[in-house]
PDB file of N, CA and C in Angstrom:
ATOM      1  N   UNK A   1      30.064 -50.419 -27.088  1.00  0.00           N
ATOM      2  CA  UNK A   1      30.680 -50.737 -28.332  1.00  0.00           C
ATOM      3  C   UNK A   1      31.468 -52.026 -28.131  1.00  0.00           C
ATOM      4  N   UNK A   2      31.311 -52.931 -29.080  1.00  0.00           N
ATOM      5  CA  UNK A   2      32.064 -54.186 -29.037  1.00  0.00           C
ATOM      6  C   UNK A   2      32.619 -54.498 -30.424  1.00  0.00           C
ATOM      7  N   UNK A   3      33.809 -55.064 -30.449  1.00  0.00           N
ATOM      8  CA  UNK A   3      34.435 -55.522 -31.681  1.00  0.00           C
ATOM      9  C   UNK A   3      34.512 -57.035 -31.592  1.00  0.00           C
ATOM     10  N   UNK A   4      33.925 -57.690 -32.583  1.00  0.00           N
ATOM     11  CA  UNK A   4      33.915 -59.151 -32.624  1.00  0.00           C
ATOM     12  C   UNK A   4      34.826 -59.641 -33.736  1.00  0.00           C
ATOM     13  N   UNK A   5      35.452 -60.788 -33.519  1.00  0.00           N
ATOM     14  CA  UNK A   5      36.216 -61.396 -34.605  1.00  0.00           C
ATOM     15  C   UNK A   5      35.275 -62.263 -35.443  1.00  0.00           C
ATOM     16  N   UNK A   6      35.812 -62.935 -36.430  1.00  0.00           N
ATOM     17  CA  UNK A   6      34.973 -63.736 -37.339  1.00  0.00           C
ATOM     18  C   UNK A   6      34.271 -64.895 -36.651  1.00  0.00           C
ATOM     19  N   UNK A   7      34.803 -65.326 -35.513  1.00  0.00           N
ATOM     20  CA  UNK A   7      34.193 -66.429 -34.768  1.00  0.00           C
ATOM     21  C   UNK A   7      33.175 -65.938 -33.747  1.00  0.00           C
ATOM     22  N   UNK A   8      32.975 -64.628 -33.662  1.00  0.00           N
ATOM     23  CA  UNK A   8      32.018 -64.072 -32.723  1.00  0.00           C
ATOM     24  C   UNK A   8      32.578 -63.809 -31.339  1.00  0.00           C
ATOM     25  N   UNK A   9      33.885 -63.898 -31.192  1.00  0.00           N
ATOM     26  CA  UNK A   9      34.529 -63.647 -29.903  1.00  0.00           C
ATOM     27  C   UNK A   9      34.747 -62.139 -29.746  1.00  0.00           C
ATOM     28  N   UNK A  10      34.383 -61.604 -28.583  1.00  0.00           N
ATOM     29  CA  UNK A  10      34.581 -60.181 -28.327  1.00  0.00           C
ATOM     30  C   UNK A  10      36.067 -59.913 -28.115  1.00  0.00           C
ATOM     31  N   UNK A  11      36.629 -59.048 -28.957  1.00  0.00           N
ATOM     32  CA  UNK A  11      38.054 -58.708 -28.876  1.00  0.00           C
ATOM     33  C   UNK A  11      38.290 -57.344 -28.234  1.00  0.00           C
ATOM     34  N   UNK A  12      37.256 -56.504 -28.228  1.00  0.00           N
ATOM     35  CA  UNK A  12      37.372 -55.173 -27.659  1.00  0.00           C
ATOM     36  C   UNK A  12      35.985 -54.726 -27.239  1.00  0.00           C
ATOM     37  N   UNK A  13      35.874 -54.161 -26.039  1.00  0.00           N
ATOM     38  CA  UNK A  13      34.582 -53.667 -25.549  1.00  0.00           C
ATOM     39  C   UNK A  13      34.799 -52.381 -24.774  1.00  0.00           C
ATOM     40  N   UNK A  14      33.845 -51.475 -24.909  1.00  0.00           N
ATOM     41  CA  UNK A  14      33.915 -50.211 -24.186  1.00  0.00           C
ATOM     42  C   UNK A  14      32.506 -49.699 -23.954  1.00  0.00           C
ATOM     43  N   UNK A  15      32.273 -49.210 -22.746  1.00  0.00           N
ATOM     44  CA  UNK A  15      30.957 -48.667 -22.410  1.00  0.00           C
ATOM     45  C   UNK A  15      30.800 -47.235 -22.906  1.00  0.00           C
ATOM     46  N   UNK A  16      31.921 -46.533 -23.134  1.00  0.00           N
ATOM     47  CA  UNK A  16      31.837 -45.123 -23.501  1.00  0.00           C
ATOM     48  C   UNK A  16      32.934 -44.782 -24.505  1.00  0.00           C
ATOM     49  N   UNK A  17      32.749 -45.170 -25.737  1.00  0.00           N
ATOM     50  CA  UNK A  17      33.774 -44.938 -26.752  1.00  0.00           C
ATOM     51  C   UNK A  17      33.206 -44.149 -27.918  1.00  0.00           C
ATOM     52  N   UNK A  18      34.081 -43.381 -28.534  1.00  0.00           N
ATOM     53  CA  UNK A  18      33.768 -42.684 -29.777  1.00  0.00           C
ATOM     54  C   UNK A  18      34.430 -43.489 -30.885  1.00  0.00           C
ATOM     55  N   UNK A  19      33.682 -43.851 -31.901  1.00  0.00           N
ATOM     56  CA  UNK A  19      34.207 -44.672 -32.986  1.00  0.00           C
ATOM     57  C   UNK A  19      34.189 -43.858 -34.273  1.00  0.00           C
ATOM     58  N   UNK A  20      35.323 -43.822 -34.950  1.00  0.00           N
ATOM     59  CA  UNK A  20      35.453 -43.100 -36.215  1.00  0.00           C
ATOM     60  C   UNK A  20      36.032 -44.048 -37.248  1.00  0.00           C
ATOM     61  N   UNK A  21      35.390 -44.108 -38.408  1.00  0.00           N
ATOM     62  CA  UNK A  21      35.871 -44.970 -39.487  1.00  0.00           C
ATOM     63  C   UNK A  21      36.419 -44.114 -40.610  1.00  0.00           C
ATOM     64  N   UNK A  22      37.516 -44.581 -41.190  1.00  0.00           N
ATOM     65  CA  UNK A  22      38.186 -43.873 -42.261  1.00  0.00           C
ATOM     66  C   UNK A  22      38.927 -44.902 -43.106  1.00  0.00           C
ATOM     67  N   UNK A  23      39.847 -44.435 -43.889  1.00  0.00           N
ATOM     68  CA  UNK A  23      40.756 -45.315 -44.618  1.00  0.00           C
ATOM     69  C   UNK A  23      42.174 -45.010 -44.147  1.00  0.00           C
ATOM     70  N   UNK A  24      43.082 -45.908 -44.416  1.00  0.00           N
ATOM     71  CA  UNK A  24      44.478 -45.690 -44.047  1.00  0.00           C
ATOM     72  C   UNK A  24      44.993 -44.428 -44.728  1.00  0.00           C
ATOM     73  N   UNK A  25      44.609 -44.210 -45.982  1.00  0.00           N
ATOM     74  CA  UNK A  25      45.054 -43.030 -46.720  1.00  0.00           C
ATOM     75  C   UNK A  25      44.613 -41.729 -46.084  1.00  0.00           C
ATOM     76  N   UNK A  26      43.401 -41.682 -45.572  1.00  0.00           N
ATOM     77  CA  UNK A  26      42.877 -40.467 -44.929  1.00  0.00           C
ATOM     78  C   UNK A  26      43.255 -40.397 -43.455  1.00  0.00           C
ATOM     79  N   UNK A  27      43.747 -41.492 -42.901  1.00  0.00           N
ATOM     80  CA  UNK A  27      44.071 -41.545 -41.479  1.00  0.00           C
ATOM     81  C   UNK A  27      45.178 -40.614 -41.051  1.00  0.00           C
ATOM     82  N   UNK A  28      46.111 -40.321 -41.947  1.00  0.00           N
ATOM     83  CA  UNK A  28      47.203 -39.419 -41.615  1.00  0.00           C
ATOM     84  C   UNK A  28      46.718 -38.046 -41.212  1.00  0.00           C
ATOM     85  N   UNK A  29      45.621 -37.601 -41.792  1.00  0.00           N
ATOM     86  CA  UNK A  29      45.030 -36.314 -41.440  1.00  0.00           C
ATOM     87  C   UNK A  29      43.986 -36.463 -40.347  1.00  0.00           C
ATOM     88  N   UNK A  30      43.230 -37.554 -40.375  1.00  0.00           N
ATOM     89  CA  UNK A  30      42.117 -37.733 -39.439  1.00  0.00           C
ATOM     90  C   UNK A  30      42.598 -38.052 -38.024  1.00  0.00           C
ATOM     91  N   UNK A  31      43.623 -38.860 -37.878  1.00  0.00           N
ATOM     92  CA  UNK A  31      44.062 -39.274 -36.543  1.00  0.00           C
ATOM     93  C   UNK A  31      44.527 -38.108 -35.663  1.00  0.00           C
ATOM     94  N   UNK A  32      45.395 -37.203 -36.147  1.00  0.00           N
ATOM     95  CA  UNK A  32      45.783 -36.078 -35.285  1.00  0.00           C
ATOM     96  C   UNK A  32      44.579 -35.213 -34.876  1.00  0.00           C
ATOM     97  N   UNK A  33      43.640 -35.018 -35.793  1.00  0.00           N
ATOM     98  CA  UNK A  33      42.455 -34.228 -35.483  1.00  0.00           C
ATOM     99  C   UNK A  33      41.607 -34.908 -34.415  1.00  0.00           C
ATOM    100  N   UNK A  34      41.380 -36.216 -34.569  1.00  0.00           N
ATOM    101  CA  UNK A  34      40.576 -36.964 -33.599  1.00  0.00           C
ATOM    102  C   UNK A  34      41.234 -36.976 -32.219  1.00  0.00           C
ATOM    103  N   UNK A  35      42.535 -37.177 -32.195  1.00  0.00           N
ATOM    104  CA  UNK A  35      43.258 -37.209 -30.921  1.00  0.00           C
ATOM    105  C   UNK A  35      43.170 -35.844 -30.240  1.00  0.00           C
ATOM    106  N   UNK A  36      43.356 -34.777 -31.009  1.00  0.00           N
ATOM    107  CA  UNK A  36      43.274 -33.426 -30.434  1.00  0.00           C
ATOM    108  C   UNK A  36      41.870 -33.140 -29.901  1.00  0.00           C
ATOM    109  N   UNK A  37      40.846 -33.564 -30.642  1.00  0.00           N
ATOM    110  CA  UNK A  37      39.466 -33.324 -30.221  1.00  0.00           C
ATOM    111  C   UNK A  37      39.108 -34.054 -28.933  1.00  0.00           C
ATOM    112  N   UNK A  38      39.742 -35.186 -28.682  1.00  0.00           N
ATOM    113  CA  UNK A  38      39.401 -36.009 -27.524  1.00  0.00           C
ATOM    114  C   UNK A  38      40.427 -35.935 -26.394  1.00  0.00           C
ATOM    115  N   UNK A  39      41.397 -35.035 -26.511  1.00  0.00           N
ATOM    116  CA  UNK A  39      42.372 -34.843 -25.444  1.00  0.00           C
ATOM    117  C   UNK A  39      41.720 -34.032 -24.325  1.00  0.00           C
ATOM    118  N   UNK A  40      41.894 -34.495 -23.097  1.00  0.00           N
ATOM    119  CA  UNK A  40      41.315 -33.820 -21.933  1.00  0.00           C
ATOM    120  C   UNK A  40      42.373 -32.925 -21.293  1.00  0.00           C
ATOM    121  N   UNK A  41      41.926 -31.777 -20.805  1.00  0.00           N
ATOM    122  CA  UNK A  41      42.827 -30.828 -20.155  1.00  0.00           C
ATOM    123  C   UNK A  41      42.348 -30.581 -18.739  1.00  0.00           C
ATOM    124  N   UNK A  42      43.294 -30.555 -17.816  1.00  0.00           N
ATOM    125  CA  UNK A  42      42.952 -30.318 -16.416  1.00  0.00           C
ATOM    126  C   UNK A  42      44.104 -29.663 -15.689  1.00  0.00           C
ATOM    127  N   UNK A  43      44.030 -29.666 -14.372  1.00  0.00           N
ATOM    128  CA  UNK A  43      45.067 -29.052 -13.548  1.00  0.00           C
ATOM    129  C   UNK A  43      46.430 -29.702 -13.744  1.00  0.00           C
ATOM    130  N   UNK A  44      46.446 -30.988 -14.031  1.00  0.00           N
ATOM    131  CA  UNK A  44      47.697 -31.713 -14.193  1.00  0.00           C
ATOM    132  C   UNK A  44      48.235 -31.690 -15.609  1.00  0.00           C
ATOM    133  N   UNK A  45      47.604 -30.940 -16.495  1.00  0.00           N
ATOM    134  CA  UNK A  45      48.052 -30.876 -17.880  1.00  0.00           C
ATOM    135  C   UNK A  45      47.078 -31.601 -18.797  1.00  0.00           C
ATOM    136  N   UNK A  46      47.577 -32.041 -19.924  1.00  0.00           N
ATOM    137  CA  UNK A  46      46.717 -32.712 -20.896  1.00  0.00           C
ATOM    138  C   UNK A  46      46.868 -34.228 -20.798  1.00  0.00           C
ATOM    139  N   UNK A  47      45.794 -34.917 -21.160  1.00  0.00           N
ATOM    140  CA  UNK A  47      45.797 -36.384 -21.207  1.00  0.00           C
ATOM    141  C   UNK A  47      45.155 -36.811 -22.512  1.00  0.00           C
ATOM    142  N   UNK A  48      45.930 -37.466 -23.339  1.00  0.00           N
ATOM    143  CA  UNK A  48      45.414 -37.951 -24.623  1.00  0.00           C
ATOM    144  C   UNK A  48      44.385 -39.045 -24.371  1.00  0.00           C
ATOM    145  N   UNK A  49      43.476 -39.244 -25.312  1.00  0.00           N
ATOM    146  CA  UNK A  49      42.468 -40.291 -25.138  1.00  0.00           C
ATOM    147  C   UNK A  49      43.092 -41.680 -25.236  1.00  0.00           C
ATOM    148  N   UNK A  50      42.414 -42.653 -24.662  1.00  0.00           N
ATOM    149  CA  UNK A  50      42.812 -44.049 -24.867  1.00  0.00           C
ATOM    150  C   UNK A  50      42.430 -44.387 -26.298  1.00  0.00           C
ATOM    151  N   UNK A  51      43.364 -44.900 -27.072  1.00  0.00           N
ATOM    152  CA  UNK A  51      43.140 -45.144 -28.499  1.00  0.00           C
ATOM    153  C   UNK A  51      43.409 -46.594 -28.844  1.00  0.00           C
ATOM    154  N   UNK A  52      42.482 -47.163 -29.578  1.00  0.00           N
ATOM    155  CA  UNK A  52      42.637 -48.488 -30.173  1.00  0.00           C
ATOM    156  C   UNK A  52      42.446 -48.295 -31.676  1.00  0.00           C
ATOM    157  N   UNK A  53      43.334 -48.832 -32.476  1.00  0.00           N
ATOM    158  CA  UNK A  53      43.212 -48.739 -33.929  1.00  0.00           C
ATOM    159  C   UNK A  53      42.931 -50.117 -34.508  1.00  0.00           C
ATOM    160  N   UNK A  54      41.927 -50.202 -35.340  1.00  0.00           N
ATOM    161  CA  UNK A  54      41.619 -51.437 -36.053  1.00  0.00           C
ATOM    162  C   UNK A  54      42.062 -51.229 -37.486  1.00  0.00           C
ATOM    163  N   UNK A  55      43.118 -51.940 -37.879  1.00  0.00           N
ATOM    164  CA  UNK A  55      43.681 -51.834 -39.221  1.00  0.00           C
ATOM    165  C   UNK A  55      43.681 -53.230 -39.802  1.00  0.00           C
ATOM    166  N   UNK A  56      42.788 -53.467 -40.763  1.00  0.00           N
ATOM    167  CA  UNK A  56      42.653 -54.819 -41.299  1.00  0.00           C
ATOM    168  C   UNK A  56      42.257 -55.762 -40.177  1.00  0.00           C
ATOM    169  N   UNK A  57      42.944 -56.893 -40.034  1.00  0.00           N
ATOM    170  CA  UNK A  57      42.576 -57.848 -38.982  1.00  0.00           C
ATOM    171  C   UNK A  57      43.231 -57.559 -37.633  1.00  0.00           C
ATOM    172  N   UNK A  58      44.027 -56.486 -37.539  1.00  0.00           N
ATOM    173  CA  UNK A  58      44.780 -56.196 -36.314  1.00  0.00           C
ATOM    174  C   UNK A  58      44.096 -55.149 -35.442  1.00  0.00           C
ATOM    175  N   UNK A  59      44.303 -55.273 -34.143  1.00  0.00           N
ATOM    176  CA  UNK A  59      43.907 -54.244 -33.193  1.00  0.00           C
ATOM    177  C   UNK A  59      45.186 -53.750 -32.529  1.00  0.00           C
ATOM    178  N   UNK A  60      45.474 -52.476 -32.731  1.00  0.00           N
ATOM    179  CA  UNK A  60      46.650 -51.863 -32.111  1.00  0.00           C
ATOM    180  C   UNK A  60      46.188 -51.119 -30.868  1.00  0.00           C
ATOM    181  N   UNK A  61      46.642 -51.563 -29.710  1.00  0.00           N
ATOM    182  CA  UNK A  61      46.259 -50.960 -28.440  1.00  0.00           C
ATOM    183  C   UNK A  61      47.272 -49.885 -28.072  1.00  0.00           C
ATOM    184  N   UNK A  62      46.873 -48.624 -28.223  1.00  0.00           N
ATOM    185  CA  UNK A  62      47.739 -47.502 -27.896  1.00  0.00           C
ATOM    186  C   UNK A  62      47.231 -46.775 -26.652  1.00  0.00           C
ATOM    187  N   UNK A  63      46.448 -47.456 -25.857  1.00  0.00           N
ATOM    188  CA  UNK A  63      45.808 -46.829 -24.700  1.00  0.00           C
ATOM    189  C   UNK A  63      46.786 -46.471 -23.588  1.00  0.00           C
ATOM    190  N   UNK A  64      47.980 -47.001 -23.610  1.00  0.00           N
ATOM    191  CA  UNK A  64      48.956 -46.699 -22.568  1.00  0.00           C
ATOM    192  C   UNK A  64      49.700 -45.391 -22.775  1.00  0.00           C
ATOM    193  N   UNK A  65      49.485 -44.751 -23.920  1.00  0.00           N
ATOM    194  CA  UNK A  65      50.191 -43.511 -24.235  1.00  0.00           C
ATOM    195  C   UNK A  65      49.348 -42.323 -23.779  1.00  0.00           C
ATOM    196  N   UNK A  66      49.914 -41.498 -22.897  1.00  0.00           N
ATOM    197  CA  UNK A  66      49.176 -40.359 -22.346  1.00  0.00           C
ATOM    198  C   UNK A  66      49.506 -39.036 -23.025  1.00  0.00           C
ATOM    199  N   UNK A  67      50.651 -38.958 -23.699  1.00  0.00           N
ATOM    200  CA  UNK A  67      51.084 -37.731 -24.342  1.00  0.00           C
ATOM    201  C   UNK A  67      50.516 -37.641 -25.760  1.00  0.00           C
ATOM    202  N   UNK A  68      49.899 -36.506 -26.071  1.00  0.00           N
ATOM    203  CA  UNK A  68      49.227 -36.329 -27.363  1.00  0.00           C
ATOM    204  C   UNK A  68      50.174 -36.478 -28.551  1.00  0.00           C
ATOM    205  N   UNK A  69      51.328 -35.843 -28.510  1.00  0.00           N
ATOM    206  CA  UNK A  69      52.254 -35.902 -29.648  1.00  0.00           C
ATOM    207  C   UNK A  69      52.822 -37.308 -29.842  1.00  0.00           C
ATOM    208  N   UNK A  70      53.114 -37.995 -28.744  1.00  0.00           N
ATOM    209  CA  UNK A  70      53.596 -39.373 -28.854  1.00  0.00           C
ATOM    210  C   UNK A  70      52.515 -40.281 -29.417  1.00  0.00           C
ATOM    211  N   UNK A  71      51.271 -40.053 -29.013  1.00  0.00           N
ATOM    212  CA  UNK A  71      50.166 -40.870 -29.505  1.00  0.00           C
ATOM    213  C   UNK A  71      49.974 -40.675 -31.005  1.00  0.00           C
ATOM    214  N   UNK A  72      50.062 -39.442 -31.475  1.00  0.00           N
ATOM    215  CA  UNK A  72      49.947 -39.170 -32.912  1.00  0.00           C
ATOM    216  C   UNK A  72      51.052 -39.893 -33.668  1.00  0.00           C
ATOM    217  N   UNK A  73      52.283 -39.818 -33.166  1.00  0.00           N
ATOM    218  CA  UNK A  73      53.415 -40.479 -33.826  1.00  0.00           C
ATOM    219  C   UNK A  73      53.232 -41.994 -33.878  1.00  0.00           C
ATOM    220  N   UNK A  74      52.830 -42.584 -32.764  1.00  0.00           N
ATOM    221  CA  UNK A  74      52.627 -44.041 -32.736  1.00  0.00           C
ATOM    222  C   UNK A  74      51.477 -44.465 -33.639  1.00  0.00           C
ATOM    223  N   UNK A  75      50.407 -43.686 -33.665  1.00  0.00           N
ATOM    224  CA  UNK A  75      49.267 -44.012 -34.525  1.00  0.00           C
ATOM    225  C   UNK A  75      49.684 -43.982 -35.991  1.00  0.00           C
ATOM    226  N   UNK A  76      50.466 -42.986 -36.363  1.00  0.00           N
ATOM    227  CA  UNK A  76      50.948 -42.914 -37.751  1.00  0.00           C
ATOM    228  C   UNK A  76      51.851 -44.094 -38.078  1.00  0.00           C
ATOM    229  N   UNK A  77      52.680 -44.504 -37.127  1.00  0.00           N
ATOM    230  CA  UNK A  77      53.565 -45.651 -37.322  1.00  0.00           C
ATOM    231  C   UNK A  77      52.756 -46.925 -37.552  1.00  0.00           C
ATOM    232  N   UNK A  78      51.656 -47.071 -36.833  1.00  0.00           N
ATOM    233  CA  UNK A  78      50.818 -48.271 -36.964  1.00  0.00           C
ATOM    234  C   UNK A  78      50.209 -48.416 -38.355  1.00  0.00           C
ATOM    235  N   UNK A  79      49.927 -47.303 -39.020  1.00  0.00           N
ATOM    236  CA  UNK A  79      49.281 -47.392 -40.335  1.00  0.00           C
ATOM    237  C   UNK A  79      50.276 -47.319 -41.495  1.00  0.00           C
ATOM    238  N   UNK A  80      51.537 -47.000 -41.195  1.00  0.00           N
ATOM    239  CA  UNK A  80      52.552 -46.962 -42.247  1.00  0.00           C
ATOM    240  C   UNK A  80      52.681 -48.317 -42.922  1.00  0.00           C
ATOM    241  N   UNK A  81      52.828 -48.294 -44.227  1.00  0.00           N
ATOM    242  CA  UNK A  81      53.031 -49.524 -44.974  1.00  0.00           C
ATOM    243  C   UNK A  81      51.757 -50.278 -45.306  1.00  0.00           C
ATOM    244  N   UNK A  82      50.627 -49.824 -44.786  1.00  0.00           N
ATOM    245  CA  UNK A  82      49.355 -50.465 -45.097  1.00  0.00           C
ATOM    246  C   UNK A  82      48.817 -49.907 -46.411  1.00  0.00           C
ATOM    247  N   UNK A  83      47.998 -50.674 -47.085  1.00  0.00           N
ATOM    248  CA  UNK A  83      47.347 -50.216 -48.305  1.00  0.00           C
ATOM    249  C   UNK A  83      46.469 -49.016 -47.967  1.00  0.00           C
ATOM    250  N   UNK A  84      46.608 -47.932 -48.725  1.00  0.00           N
ATOM    251  CA  UNK A  84      45.872 -46.695 -48.443  1.00  0.00           C
ATOM    252  C   UNK A  84      44.357 -46.878 -48.520  1.00  0.00           C
ATOM    253  N   UNK A  85      43.896 -47.892 -49.215  1.00  0.00           N
ATOM    254  CA  UNK A  85      42.452 -48.128 -49.344  1.00  0.00           C
ATOM    255  C   UNK A  85      41.902 -48.982 -48.205  1.00  0.00           C
ATOM    256  N   UNK A  86      42.772 -49.564 -47.376  1.00  0.00           N
ATOM    257  CA  UNK A  86      42.315 -50.398 -46.260  1.00  0.00           C
ATOM    258  C   UNK A  86      41.490 -49.580 -45.271  1.00  0.00           C
ATOM    259  N   UNK A  87      40.552 -50.253 -44.651  1.00  0.00           N
ATOM    260  CA  UNK A  87      39.716 -49.614 -43.634  1.00  0.00           C
ATOM    261  C   UNK A  87      40.517 -49.351 -42.370  1.00  0.00           C
ATOM    262  N   UNK A  88      40.254 -48.213 -41.761  1.00  0.00           N
ATOM    263  CA  UNK A  88      40.882 -47.833 -40.502  1.00  0.00           C
ATOM    264  C   UNK A  88      39.768 -47.391 -39.563  1.00  0.00           C
ATOM    265  N   UNK A  89      39.713 -48.013 -38.393  1.00  0.00           N
ATOM    266  CA  UNK A  89      38.718 -47.648 -37.390  1.00  0.00           C
ATOM    267  C   UNK A  89      39.472 -47.222 -36.144  1.00  0.00           C
ATOM    268  N   UNK A  90      39.135 -46.037 -35.654  1.00  0.00           N
ATOM    269  CA  UNK A  90      39.721 -45.512 -34.426  1.00  0.00           C
ATOM    270  C   UNK A  90      38.666 -45.565 -33.329  1.00  0.00           C
ATOM    271  N   UNK A  91      39.026 -46.179 -32.206  1.00  0.00           N
ATOM    272  CA  UNK A  91      38.149 -46.240 -31.041  1.00  0.00           C
ATOM    273  C   UNK A  91      38.823 -45.399 -29.956  1.00  0.00           C
ATOM    274  N   UNK A  92      38.169 -44.303 -29.575  1.00  0.00           N
ATOM    275  CA  UNK A  92      38.738 -43.356 -28.629  1.00  0.00           C
ATOM    276  C   UNK A  92      37.876 -43.280 -27.376  1.00  0.00           C
ATOM    277  N   UNK A  93      38.557 -43.225 -26.232  1.00  0.00           N
ATOM    278  CA  UNK A  93      37.876 -43.045 -24.947  1.00  0.00           C
ATOM    279  C   UNK A  93      38.539 -41.893 -24.221  1.00  0.00           C
ATOM    280  N   UNK A  94      37.741 -40.882 -23.886  1.00  0.00           N
ATOM    281  CA  UNK A  94      38.270 -39.730 -23.168  1.00  0.00           C
ATOM    282  C   UNK A  94      38.598 -40.167 -21.741  1.00  0.00           C
ATOM    283  N   UNK A  95      39.792 -39.788 -21.305  1.00  0.00           N
ATOM    284  CA  UNK A  95      40.202 -40.100 -19.933  1.00  0.00           C
ATOM    285  C   UNK A  95      39.688 -39.016 -19.012  1.00  0.00           C
ATOM    286  N   UNK A  96      39.228 -39.420 -17.837  1.00  0.00           N
ATOM    287  CA  UNK A  96      38.727 -38.419 -16.887  1.00  0.00           C
ATOM    288  C   UNK A  96      39.785 -38.068 -15.862  1.00  0.00           C
TER     289      UNK A  96
END
């Protein structure tokens, strides 16, 4: 999966990503569900997926957040104030 800007420059690339498209308005419900579905569980506890959000022309890199509840909160913060009809693309990578 690759995300290109208008000039054809690769801004984001992943060999193993799950991509979900929605709107900002539906993202409040979709993001917690997607994060929960892609959270990995192991001996050391849970690890939230690496998440990149594409909101309009911006890419929000939330891949450094490992805690599921913190990731949900930050993802919601990223879409706050945006037009509810704007496109929202979530790029998720399960951590091993």
